[in-house]
Each structure stands twice: as structure tokens, then as C-alpha cells.
PDB file of N, CA and C in Angstrom:
ATOM      1  N   MET A   1     -33.366 -22.121  63.893  1.00  0.00           N
ATOM      2  CA  MET A   1     -33.094 -22.549  65.258  1.00  0.00           C
ATOM      3  C   MET A   1     -32.386 -23.896  65.229  1.00  0.00           C
ATOM      4  N   SER A   2     -31.334 -24.028  65.964  1.00  0.00           N
ATOM      5  CA  SER A   2     -30.552 -25.252  66.029  1.00  0.00           C
ATOM      6  C   SER A   2     -31.057 -26.130  67.166  1.00  0.00           C
ATOM      7  N   THR A   3     -31.259 -27.415  66.870  1.00  0.00           N
ATOM      8  CA  THR A   3     -31.710 -28.359  67.872  1.00  0.00           C
ATOM      9  C   THR A   3     -30.542 -29.193  68.338  1.00  0.00           C
ATOM     10  N   GLN A   4     -30.379 -29.318  69.641  1.00  0.00           N
ATOM     11  CA  GLN A   4     -29.337 -30.175  70.194  1.00  0.00           C
ATOM     12  C   GLN A   4     -30.001 -31.365  70.861  1.00  0.00           C
ATOM     13  N   VAL A   5     -29.420 -32.547  70.653  1.00  0.00           N
ATOM     14  CA  VAL A   5     -29.956 -33.774  71.218  1.00  0.00           C
ATOM     15  C   VAL A   5     -28.934 -34.343  72.183  1.00  0.00           C
ATOM     16  N   GLN A   6     -29.364 -34.623  73.405  1.00  0.00           N
ATOM     17  CA  GLN A   6     -28.507 -35.254  74.408  1.00  0.00           C
ATOM     18  C   GLN A   6     -29.081 -36.641  74.695  1.00  0.00           C
ATOM     19  N   PRO A   7     -28.401 -37.702  74.238  1.00  0.00           N
ATOM     20  CA  PRO A   7     -28.897 -39.055  74.510  1.00  0.00           C
ATOM     21  C   PRO A   7     -28.921 -39.334  76.011  1.00  0.00           C
ATOM     22  N   LEU A   8     -29.802 -40.225  76.417  1.00  0.00           N
ATOM     23  CA  LEU A   8     -29.915 -40.604  77.821  1.00  0.00           C
ATOM     24  C   LEU A   8     -29.340 -41.994  78.037  1.00  0.00           C
ATOM     25  N   GLY A   9     -28.885 -42.261  79.253  1.00  0.00           N
ATOM     26  CA  GLY A   9     -28.376 -43.588  79.597  1.00  0.00           C
ATOM     27  C   GLY A   9     -27.132 -43.944  78.801  1.00  0.00           C
ATOM     28  N   SER A  10     -27.117 -45.178  78.287  1.00  0.00           N
ATOM     29  CA  SER A  10     -25.937 -45.662  77.561  1.00  0.00           C
ATOM     30  C   SER A  10     -26.093 -45.516  76.049  1.00  0.00           C
ATOM     31  N   ARG A  11     -26.899 -44.565  75.613  1.00  0.00           N
ATOM     32  CA  ARG A  11     -27.098 -44.345  74.177  1.00  0.00           C
ATOM     33  C   ARG A  11     -26.112 -43.307  73.649  1.00  0.00           C
ATOM     34  N   VAL A  12     -25.854 -43.393  72.334  1.00  0.00           N
ATOM     35  CA  VAL A  12     -24.997 -42.420  71.669  1.00  0.00           C
ATOM     36  C   VAL A  12     -25.715 -41.878  70.445  1.00  0.00           C
ATOM     37  N   LEU A  13     -25.423 -40.634  70.099  1.00  0.00           N
ATOM     38  CA  LEU A  13     -25.955 -40.009  68.893  1.00  0.00           C
ATOM     39  C   LEU A  13     -24.862 -40.086  67.838  1.00  0.00           C
ATOM     40  N   VAL A  14     -25.184 -40.719  66.701  1.00  0.00           N
ATOM     41  CA  VAL A  14     -24.213 -40.944  65.639  1.00  0.00           C
ATOM     42  C   VAL A  14     -24.682 -40.253  64.372  1.00  0.00           C
ATOM     43  N   ARG A  15     -23.792 -39.438  63.769  1.00  0.00           N
ATOM     44  CA  ARG A  15     -24.075 -38.833  62.468  1.00  0.00           C
ATOM     45  C   ARG A  15     -23.697 -39.856  61.420  1.00  0.00           C
ATOM     46  N   VAL A  16     -24.650 -40.234  60.585  1.00  0.00           N
ATOM     47  CA  VAL A  16     -24.424 -41.260  59.575  1.00  0.00           C
ATOM     48  C   VAL A  16     -23.532 -40.690  58.476  1.00  0.00           C
ATOM     49  N   LEU A  17     -22.459 -41.409  58.149  1.00  0.00           N
ATOM     50  CA  LEU A  17     -21.552 -41.000  57.084  1.00  0.00           C
ATOM     51  C   LEU A  17     -22.061 -41.544  55.761  1.00  0.00           C
ATOM     52  N   ALA A  18     -22.087 -40.716  54.744  1.00  0.00           N
ATOM     53  CA  ALA A  18     -22.599 -41.101  53.433  1.00  0.00           C
ATOM     54  C   ALA A  18     -21.680 -42.118  52.785  1.00  0.00           C
ATOM     55  N   GLU A  19     -22.291 -43.070  52.108  1.00  0.00           N
ATOM     56  CA  GLU A  19     -21.534 -44.065  51.360  1.00  0.00           C
ATOM     57  C   GLU A  19     -21.114 -43.477  50.020  1.00  0.00           C
ATOM     58  N   GLU A  20     -20.069 -44.033  49.426  1.00  0.00           N
ATOM     59  CA  GLU A  20     -19.573 -43.574  48.140  1.00  0.00           C
ATOM     60  C   GLU A  20     -20.647 -43.758  47.066  1.00  0.00           C
ATOM     61  N   SER A  21     -20.785 -42.787  46.158  1.00  0.00           N
ATOM     62  CA  SER A  21     -21.758 -42.892  45.085  1.00  0.00           C
ATOM     63  C   SER A  21     -21.118 -43.298  43.765  1.00  0.00           C
ATOM     64  N   VAL A  22     -19.791 -43.447  43.768  1.00  0.00           N
ATOM     65  CA  VAL A  22     -19.067 -43.884  42.572  1.00  0.00           C
ATOM     66  C   VAL A  22     -18.127 -45.005  42.994  1.00  0.00           C
ATOM     67  N   THR A  23     -18.105 -46.104  42.238  1.00  0.00           N
ATOM     68  CA  THR A  23     -17.215 -47.210  42.551  1.00  0.00           C
ATOM     69  C   THR A  23     -15.777 -46.851  42.186  1.00  0.00           C
ATOM     70  N   LYS A  24     -14.825 -47.668  42.595  1.00  0.00           N
ATOM     71  CA  LYS A  24     -13.413 -47.421  42.281  1.00  0.00           C
ATOM     72  C   LYS A  24     -13.177 -47.424  40.776  1.00  0.00           C
ATOM     73  N   SER A  25     -13.989 -48.175  40.043  1.00  0.00           N
ATOM     74  CA  SER A  25     -13.821 -48.226  38.591  1.00  0.00           C
ATOM     75  C   SER A  25     -14.563 -47.099  37.875  1.00  0.00           C
ATOM     76  N   GLY A  26     -15.242 -46.220  38.634  1.00  0.00           N
ATOM     77  CA  GLY A  26     -15.882 -45.051  38.046  1.00  0.00           C
ATOM     78  C   GLY A  26     -17.357 -45.213  37.713  1.00  0.00           C
ATOM     79  N   ILE A  27     -17.970 -46.298  38.152  1.00  0.00           N
ATOM     80  CA  ILE A  27     -19.391 -46.516  37.882  1.00  0.00           C
ATOM     81  C   ILE A  27     -20.217 -45.758  38.919  1.00  0.00           C
ATOM     82  N   PHE A  28     -21.195 -44.969  38.439  1.00  0.00           N
ATOM     83  CA  PHE A  28     -22.067 -44.195  39.318  1.00  0.00           C
ATOM     84  C   PHE A  28     -23.150 -45.103  39.878  1.00  0.00           C
ATOM     85  N   LEU A  29     -23.361 -45.034  41.197  1.00  0.00           N
ATOM     86  CA  LEU A  29     -24.404 -45.830  41.843  1.00  0.00           C
ATOM     87  C   LEU A  29     -25.578 -44.936  42.221  1.00  0.00           C
ATOM     88  N   PRO A  30     -26.777 -45.216  41.690  1.00  0.00           N
ATOM     89  CA  PRO A  30     -27.945 -44.437  42.111  1.00  0.00           C
ATOM     90  C   PRO A  30     -28.319 -44.782  43.550  1.00  0.00           C
ATOM     91  N   ASP A  31     -29.109 -43.924  44.188  1.00  0.00           N
ATOM     92  CA  ASP A  31     -29.506 -44.140  45.579  1.00  0.00           C
ATOM     93  C   ASP A  31     -30.191 -45.484  45.784  1.00  0.00           C
ATOM     94  N   THR A  32     -30.934 -45.958  44.801  1.00  0.00           N
ATOM     95  CA  THR A  32     -31.656 -47.221  44.944  1.00  0.00           C
ATOM     96  C   THR A  32     -30.716 -48.420  44.974  1.00  0.00           C
ATOM     97  N   ALA A  33     -29.492 -48.273  44.482  1.00  0.00           N
ATOM     98  CA  ALA A  33     -28.535 -49.384  44.450  1.00  0.00           C
ATOM     99  C   ALA A  33     -27.584 -49.373  45.639  1.00  0.00           C
ATOM    100  N   LYS A  34     -27.594 -48.314  46.420  1.00  0.00           N
ATOM    101  CA  LYS A  34     -26.687 -48.209  47.560  1.00  0.00           C
ATOM    102  C   LYS A  34     -27.217 -49.020  48.729  1.00  0.00           C
ATOM    103  N   GLU A  35     -26.281 -49.575  49.495  1.00  0.00           N
ATOM    104  CA  GLU A  35     -26.672 -50.270  50.712  1.00  0.00           C
ATOM    105  C   GLU A  35     -26.853 -49.254  51.834  1.00  0.00           C
ATOM    106  N   LYS A  36     -27.595 -49.665  52.852  1.00  0.00           N
ATOM    107  CA  LYS A  36     -27.810 -48.803  54.006  1.00  0.00           C
ATOM    108  C   LYS A  36     -26.466 -48.560  54.695  1.00  0.00           C
ATOM    109  N   PRO A  37     -26.140 -47.294  55.019  1.00  0.00           N
ATOM    110  CA  PRO A  37     -24.838 -46.995  55.640  1.00  0.00           C
ATOM    111  C   PRO A  37     -24.660 -47.721  56.968  1.00  0.00           C
ATOM    112  N   GLN A  38     -23.413 -48.070  57.263  1.00  0.00           N
ATOM    113  CA  GLN A  38     -23.090 -48.739  58.517  1.00  0.00           C
ATOM    114  C   GLN A  38     -21.970 -48.032  59.262  1.00  0.00           C
ATOM    115  N   ARG A  39     -21.579 -46.854  58.781  1.00  0.00           N
ATOM    116  CA  ARG A  39     -20.508 -46.097  59.431  1.00  0.00           C
ATOM    117  C   ARG A  39     -21.036 -44.744  59.872  1.00  0.00           C
ATOM    118  N   GLY A  40     -20.485 -44.238  60.963  1.00  0.00           N
ATOM    119  CA  GLY A  40     -20.902 -42.931  61.431  1.00  0.00           C
ATOM    120  C   GLY A  40     -19.891 -42.334  62.384  1.00  0.00           C
ATOM    121  N   GLU A  41     -20.171 -41.095  62.774  1.00  0.00           N
ATOM    122  CA  GLU A  41     -19.310 -40.377  63.710  1.00  0.00           C
ATOM    123  C   GLU A  41     -20.118 -40.036  64.949  1.00  0.00           C
ATOM    124  N   VAL A  42     -19.558 -40.328  66.120  1.00  0.00           N
ATOM    125  CA  VAL A  42     -20.238 -40.059  67.385  1.00  0.00           C
ATOM    126  C   VAL A  42     -20.309 -38.554  67.593  1.00  0.00           C
ATOM    127  N   VAL A  43     -21.530 -38.043  67.784  1.00  0.00           N
ATOM    128  CA  VAL A  43     -21.763 -36.615  67.966  1.00  0.00           C
ATOM    129  C   VAL A  43     -21.997 -36.283  69.438  1.00  0.00           C
ATOM    130  N   ALA A  44     -22.672 -37.184  70.157  1.00  0.00           N
ATOM    131  CA  ALA A  44     -22.955 -36.961  71.576  1.00  0.00           C
ATOM    132  C   ALA A  44     -23.091 -38.316  72.259  1.00  0.00           C
ATOM    133  N   ILE A  45     -22.779 -38.347  73.556  1.00  0.00           N
ATOM    134  CA  ILE A  45     -22.928 -39.580  74.322  1.00  0.00           C
ATOM    135  C   ILE A  45     -23.866 -39.334  75.489  1.00  0.00           C
ATOM    136  N   GLY A  46     -24.468 -40.413  75.968  1.00  0.00           N
ATOM    137  CA  GLY A  46     -25.400 -40.320  77.085  1.00  0.00           C
ATOM    138  C   GLY A  46     -24.698 -40.064  78.409  1.00  0.00           C
ATOM    139  N   ASP A  47     -25.491 -40.030  79.464  1.00  0.00           N
ATOM    140  CA  ASP A  47     -24.965 -39.688  80.785  1.00  0.00           C
ATOM    141  C   ASP A  47     -24.426 -40.890  81.565  1.00  0.00           C
ATOM    142  N   ASP A  48     -24.470 -42.088  80.986  1.00  0.00           N
ATOM    143  CA  ASP A  48     -23.949 -43.289  81.639  1.00  0.00           C
ATOM    144  C   ASP A  48     -22.530 -43.549  81.137  1.00  0.00           C
ATOM    145  N   SER A  49     -21.622 -42.647  81.475  1.00  0.00           N
ATOM    146  CA  SER A  49     -20.257 -42.683  80.921  1.00  0.00           C
ATOM    147  C   SER A  49     -19.450 -43.901  81.371  1.00  0.00           C
ATOM    148  N   GLU A  50     -19.879 -44.599  82.406  1.00  0.00           N
ATOM    149  CA  GLU A  50     -19.142 -45.778  82.867  1.00  0.00           C
ATOM    150  C   GLU A  50     -19.264 -46.941  81.891  1.00  0.00           C
ATOM    151  N   THR A  51     -20.384 -47.051  81.179  1.00  0.00           N
ATOM    152  CA  THR A  51     -20.575 -48.179  80.268  1.00  0.00           C
ATOM    153  C   THR A  51     -20.314 -47.821  78.808  1.00  0.00           C
ATOM    154  N   ILE A  52     -20.176 -46.544  78.505  1.00  0.00           N
ATOM    155  CA  ILE A  52     -19.947 -46.117  77.118  1.00  0.00           C
ATOM    156  C   ILE A  52     -18.446 -46.122  76.840  1.00  0.00           C
ATOM    157  N   LYS A  53     -18.049 -46.879  75.812  1.00  0.00           N
ATOM    158  CA  LYS A  53     -16.630 -47.057  75.495  1.00  0.00           C
ATOM    159  C   LYS A  53     -16.137 -46.134  74.382  1.00  0.00           C
ATOM    160  N   VAL A  54     -17.006 -45.296  73.828  1.00  0.00           N
ATOM    161  CA  VAL A  54     -16.610 -44.383  72.748  1.00  0.00           C
ATOM    162  C   VAL A  54     -16.671 -42.954  73.247  1.00  0.00           C
ATOM    163  N   LYS A  55     -16.052 -42.048  72.475  1.00  0.00           N
ATOM    164  CA  LYS A  55     -16.098 -40.632  72.832  1.00  0.00           C
ATOM    165  C   LYS A  55     -16.536 -39.831  71.615  1.00  0.00           C
ATOM    166  N   VAL A  56     -16.921 -38.617  71.826  1.00  0.00           N
ATOM    167  CA  VAL A  56     -17.347 -37.737  70.736  1.00  0.00           C
ATOM    168  C   VAL A  56     -16.207 -37.613  69.734  1.00  0.00           C
ATOM    169  N   GLY A  57     -16.535 -37.764  68.461  1.00  0.00           N
ATOM    170  CA  GLY A  57     -15.546 -37.670  67.399  1.00  0.00           C
ATOM    171  C   GLY A  57     -15.086 -39.021  66.873  1.00  0.00           C
ATOM    172  N   ASP A  58     -15.322 -40.096  67.629  1.00  0.00           N
ATOM    173  CA  ASP A  58     -14.946 -41.428  67.159  1.00  0.00           C
ATOM    174  C   ASP A  58     -15.788 -41.821  65.951  1.00  0.00           C
ATOM    175  N   ARG A  59     -15.151 -42.478  64.993  1.00  0.00           N
ATOM    176  CA  ARG A  59     -15.891 -43.061  63.862  1.00  0.00           C
ATOM    177  C   ARG A  59     -16.169 -44.509  64.218  1.00  0.00           C
ATOM    178  N   VAL A  60     -17.420 -44.913  64.048  1.00  0.00           N
ATOM    179  CA  VAL A  60     -17.852 -46.222  64.513  1.00  0.00           C
ATOM    180  C   VAL A  60     -18.546 -47.007  63.407  1.00  0.00           C
ATOM    181  N   LEU A  61     -18.600 -48.319  63.607  1.00  0.00           N
ATOM    182  CA  LEU A  61     -19.302 -49.234  62.733  1.00  0.00           C
ATOM    183  C   LEU A  61     -20.485 -49.781  63.516  1.00  0.00           C
ATOM    184  N   PHE A  62     -21.659 -49.842  62.877  1.00  0.00           N
ATOM    185  CA  PHE A  62     -22.852 -50.330  63.556  1.00  0.00           C
ATOM    186  C   PHE A  62     -23.644 -51.235  62.611  1.00  0.00           C
ATOM    187  N   PRO A  63     -24.541 -52.095  63.139  1.00  0.00           N
ATOM    188  CA  PRO A  63     -25.344 -52.969  62.287  1.00  0.00           C
ATOM    189  C   PRO A  63     -26.261 -52.153  61.366  1.00  0.00           C
ATOM    190  N   LYS A  64     -26.635 -52.745  60.230  1.00  0.00           N
ATOM    191  CA  LYS A  64     -27.450 -52.033  59.233  1.00  0.00           C
ATOM    192  C   LYS A  64     -28.770 -51.525  59.780  1.00  0.00           C
ATOM    193  N   TYR A  65     -29.478 -52.342  60.504  1.00  0.00           N
ATOM    194  CA  TYR A  65     -30.833 -51.983  60.919  1.00  0.00           C
ATOM    195  C   TYR A  65     -30.911 -51.838  62.432  1.00  0.00           C
ATOM    196  N   THR A  66     -30.236 -50.842  62.945  1.00  0.00           N
ATOM    197  CA  THR A  66     -30.227 -50.601  64.384  1.00  0.00           C
ATOM    198  C   THR A  66     -30.516 -49.135  64.671  1.00  0.00           C
ATOM    199  N   GLY A  67     -30.922 -48.853  65.878  1.00  0.00           N
ATOM    200  CA  GLY A  67     -31.098 -47.484  66.321  1.00  0.00           C
ATOM    201  C   GLY A  67     -32.377 -46.824  65.840  1.00  0.00           C
ATOM    202  N   THR A  68     -32.543 -45.598  66.274  1.00  0.00           N
ATOM    203  CA  THR A  68     -33.683 -44.766  65.902  1.00  0.00           C
ATOM    204  C   THR A  68     -33.187 -43.645  65.006  1.00  0.00           C
ATOM    205  N   GLU A  69     -33.755 -43.572  63.801  1.00  0.00           N
ATOM    206  CA  GLU A  69     -33.316 -42.572  62.830  1.00  0.00           C
ATOM    207  C   GLU A  69     -33.944 -41.214  63.135  1.00  0.00           C
ATOM    208  N   ILE A  70     -33.123 -40.168  63.108  1.00  0.00           N
ATOM    209  CA  ILE A  70     -33.620 -38.795  63.231  1.00  0.00           C
ATOM    210  C   ILE A  70     -32.851 -37.927  62.237  1.00  0.00           C
ATOM    211  N   ARG A  71     -33.423 -36.803  61.897  1.00  0.00           N
ATOM    212  CA  ARG A  71     -32.779 -35.868  60.964  1.00  0.00           C
ATOM    213  C   ARG A  71     -32.555 -34.552  61.698  1.00  0.00           C
ATOM    214  N   LEU A  72     -31.305 -34.131  61.761  1.00  0.00           N
ATOM    215  CA  LEU A  72     -30.925 -32.878  62.415  1.00  0.00           C
ATOM    216  C   LEU A  72     -30.131 -32.041  61.433  1.00  0.00           C
ATOM    217  N   GLU A  73     -30.557 -30.804  61.226  1.00  0.00           N
ATOM    218  CA  GLU A  73     -29.861 -29.862  60.349  1.00  0.00           C
ATOM    219  C   GLU A  73     -29.531 -30.489  58.996  1.00  0.00           C
ATOM    220  N   ASN A  74     -30.527 -31.151  58.398  1.00  0.00           N
ATOM    221  CA  ASN A  74     -30.426 -31.785  57.075  1.00  0.00           C
ATOM    222  C   ASN A  74     -29.397 -32.906  57.001  1.00  0.00           C
ATOM    223  N   GLU A  75     -29.074 -33.541  58.112  1.00  0.00           N
ATOM    224  CA  GLU A  75     -28.172 -34.687  58.138  1.00  0.00           C
ATOM    225  C   GLU A  75     -28.847 -35.827  58.886  1.00  0.00           C
ATOM    226  N   ASP A  76     -28.609 -37.048  58.398  1.00  0.00           N
ATOM    227  CA  ASP A  76     -29.168 -38.224  59.054  1.00  0.00           C
ATOM    228  C   ASP A  76     -28.346 -38.590  60.278  1.00  0.00           C
ATOM    229  N   HIS A  77     -29.041 -38.915  61.359  1.00  0.00           N
ATOM    230  CA  HIS A  77     -28.412 -39.338  62.606  1.00  0.00           C
ATOM    231  C   HIS A  77     -29.130 -40.574  63.123  1.00  0.00           C
ATOM    232  N   LEU A  78     -28.476 -41.309  63.990  1.00  0.00           N
ATOM    233  CA  LEU A  78     -29.069 -42.446  64.678  1.00  0.00           C
ATOM    234  C   LEU A  78     -28.826 -42.300  66.169  1.00  0.00           C
ATOM    235  N   ILE A  79     -29.809 -42.675  66.960  1.00  0.00           N
ATOM    236  CA  ILE A  79     -29.611 -42.826  68.393  1.00  0.00           C
ATOM    237  C   ILE A  79     -29.493 -44.324  68.623  1.00  0.00           C
ATOM    238  N   ILE A  80     -28.319 -44.758  69.081  1.00  0.00           N
ATOM    239  CA  ILE A  80     -27.998 -46.171  69.190  1.00  0.00           C
ATOM    240  C   ILE A  80     -27.559 -46.490  70.612  1.00  0.00           C
ATOM    241  N   ASP A  81     -27.967 -47.642  71.120  1.00  0.00           N
ATOM    242  CA  ASP A  81     -27.447 -48.099  72.406  1.00  0.00           C
ATOM    243  C   ASP A  81     -25.966 -48.396  72.215  1.00  0.00           C
ATOM    244  N   SER A  82     -25.132 -47.965  73.127  1.00  0.00           N
ATOM    245  CA  SER A  82     -23.681 -48.127  72.960  1.00  0.00           C
ATOM    246  C   SER A  82     -23.285 -49.599  72.856  1.00  0.00           C
ATOM    247  N   ASN A  83     -24.073 -50.499  73.420  1.00  0.00           N
ATOM    248  CA  ASN A  83     -23.775 -51.931  73.314  1.00  0.00           C
ATOM    249  C   ASN A  83     -23.998 -52.461  71.903  1.00  0.00           C
ATOM    250  N   ASP A  84     -24.744 -51.734  71.068  1.00  0.00           N
ATOM    251  CA  ASP A  84     -24.999 -52.167  69.700  1.00  0.00           C
ATOM    252  C   ASP A  84     -23.885 -51.776  68.742  1.00  0.00           C
ATOM    253  N   LEU A  85     -22.983 -50.897  69.168  1.00  0.00           N
ATOM    254  CA  LEU A  85     -21.868 -50.514  68.310  1.00  0.00           C
ATOM    255  C   LEU A  85     -20.936 -51.707  68.132  1.00  0.00           C
ATOM    256  N   LEU A  86     -20.450 -51.896  66.896  1.00  0.00           N
ATOM    257  CA  LEU A  86     -19.621 -53.050  66.590  1.00  0.00           C
ATOM    258  C   LEU A  86     -18.131 -52.780  66.733  1.00  0.00           C
ATOM    259  N   ALA A  87     -17.681 -51.574  66.339  1.00  0.00           N
ATOM    260  CA  ALA A  87     -16.249 -51.290  66.356  1.00  0.00           C
ATOM    261  C   ALA A  87     -16.004 -49.801  66.248  1.00  0.00           C
ATOM    262  N   VAL A  88     -14.816 -49.381  66.694  1.00  0.00           N
ATOM    263  CA  VAL A  88     -14.339 -48.022  66.473  1.00  0.00           C
ATOM    264  C   VAL A  88     -13.365 -48.110  65.301  1.00  0.00           C
ATOM    265  N   LEU A  89     -13.535 -47.229  64.313  1.00  0.00           N
ATOM    266  CA  LEU A  89     -12.701 -47.231  63.108  1.00  0.00           C
ATOM    267  C   LEU A  89     -11.542 -46.253  63.308  1.00  0.00           C
ATOM    268  N   HIS A  90     -10.338 -46.719  63.027  1.00  0.00           N
ATOM    269  CA  HIS A  90      -9.142 -45.884  63.110  1.00  0.00           C
ATOM    270  C   HIS A  90      -8.566 -45.746  61.718  1.00  0.00           C
ATOM    271  N   GLU A  91      -8.171 -44.530  61.354  1.00  0.00           N
ATOM    272  CA  GLU A  91      -7.550 -44.296  60.053  1.00  0.00           C
ATOM    273  C   GLU A  91      -6.119 -44.829  60.086  1.00  0.00           C
ATOM    274  N   ALA A  92      -5.733 -45.549  59.025  1.00  0.00           N
ATOM    275  CA  ALA A  92      -4.367 -46.058  58.936  1.00  0.00           C
ATOM    276  C   ALA A  92      -3.427 -44.896  58.629  1.00  0.00           C
ATOM    277  N   THR A  93      -2.330 -44.822  59.359  1.00  0.00           N
ATOM    278  CA  THR A  93      -1.349 -43.767  59.111  1.00  0.00           C
ATOM    279  C   THR A  93      -0.348 -44.237  58.055  1.00  0.00           C
ATOM    280  N   ALA A  94       0.391 -43.328  57.492  1.00  0.00           N
ATOM    281  CA  ALA A  94       1.365 -43.661  56.452  1.00  0.00           C
ATOM    282  C   ALA A  94       2.431 -44.599  56.990  1.00  0.00           C
ATOM    283  N   ALA A  95       2.843 -44.429  58.246  1.00  0.00           N
ATOM    284  CA  ALA A  95       3.868 -45.277  58.831  1.00  0.00           C
ATOM    285  C   ALA A  95       3.383 -46.723  58.970  1.00  0.00           C
ATOM    286  N   VAL A  96       2.134 -46.893  59.373  1.00  0.00           N
ATOM    287  CA  VAL A  96       1.556 -48.223  59.519  1.00  0.00           C
ATOM    288  C   VAL A  96       1.363 -48.846  58.147  1.00  0.00           C
ATOM    289  N   ALA A  97       0.901 -48.078  57.177  1.00  0.00           N
ATOM    290  CA  ALA A  97       0.661 -48.587  55.830  1.00  0.00           C
ATOM    291  C   ALA A  97       1.965 -49.022  55.163  1.00  0.00           C
ATOM    292  N   ALA A  98       3.073 -48.350  55.472  1.00  0.00           N
ATOM    293  CA  ALA A  98       4.355 -48.677  54.858  1.00  0.00           C
ATOM    294  C   ALA A  98       4.962 -49.946  55.465  1.00  0.00           C
ATOM    295  N   ALA A  99       4.560 -50.301  56.675  1.00  0.00           N
ATOM    296  CA  ALA A  99       5.130 -51.467  57.358  1.00  0.00           C
ATOM    297  C   ALA A  99       4.642 -52.757  56.850  1.00  0.00           C
TER     298      ALA A  99
END
């Protein structure tokens, strides 16, 4: 059975994105050496759409120790107040990178 979560008010549901387990130089990092993730993807937004500045699908940056942790379909999620989000992450395009 699939569970769906609809945040209330100005909260957002964020799927936590996994951090890299191998450094650029090829060193493997065990789980105990990894920092707590700070990036995620917005999965659902609350019903207070006037104060929420993000939309479903946005990749966001949030503080390390914020929100309420929940596990849905074997993935970590956070319910975070939209005011606690720090930034929306945009992927650099090839045209921007070349400039």
C-alpha cells in the first residue's frame, strides 16, 4: 500500500537526496563519515500557496538539523516549514558554463 503525505500550512515535503559515497579522488566514504544531507527535492507542498516560494520538483538546500524526518517507500523525507528552506538549486547549463 502506498502512503501519500500532504503537508499542511506553509510546510513542504522534501525527499532527501543521497550524498556521494565516493570522493572525486576515488576514496570510499563509509556511512559513519558522511555528513547529514542538506539537499532534497520538493515532493509536495502545503495548502498555504501564498507563502510557499517553491514548487514540486524543485531541488532545495536546507539546514542540517531541520524538519521532521519520515520514511516513505524506503526513502528518507523531511517535512520542513517553507521559511526554513535556504535556497533553490538550479543546474548549470552548458551555455552558462561556457560563458
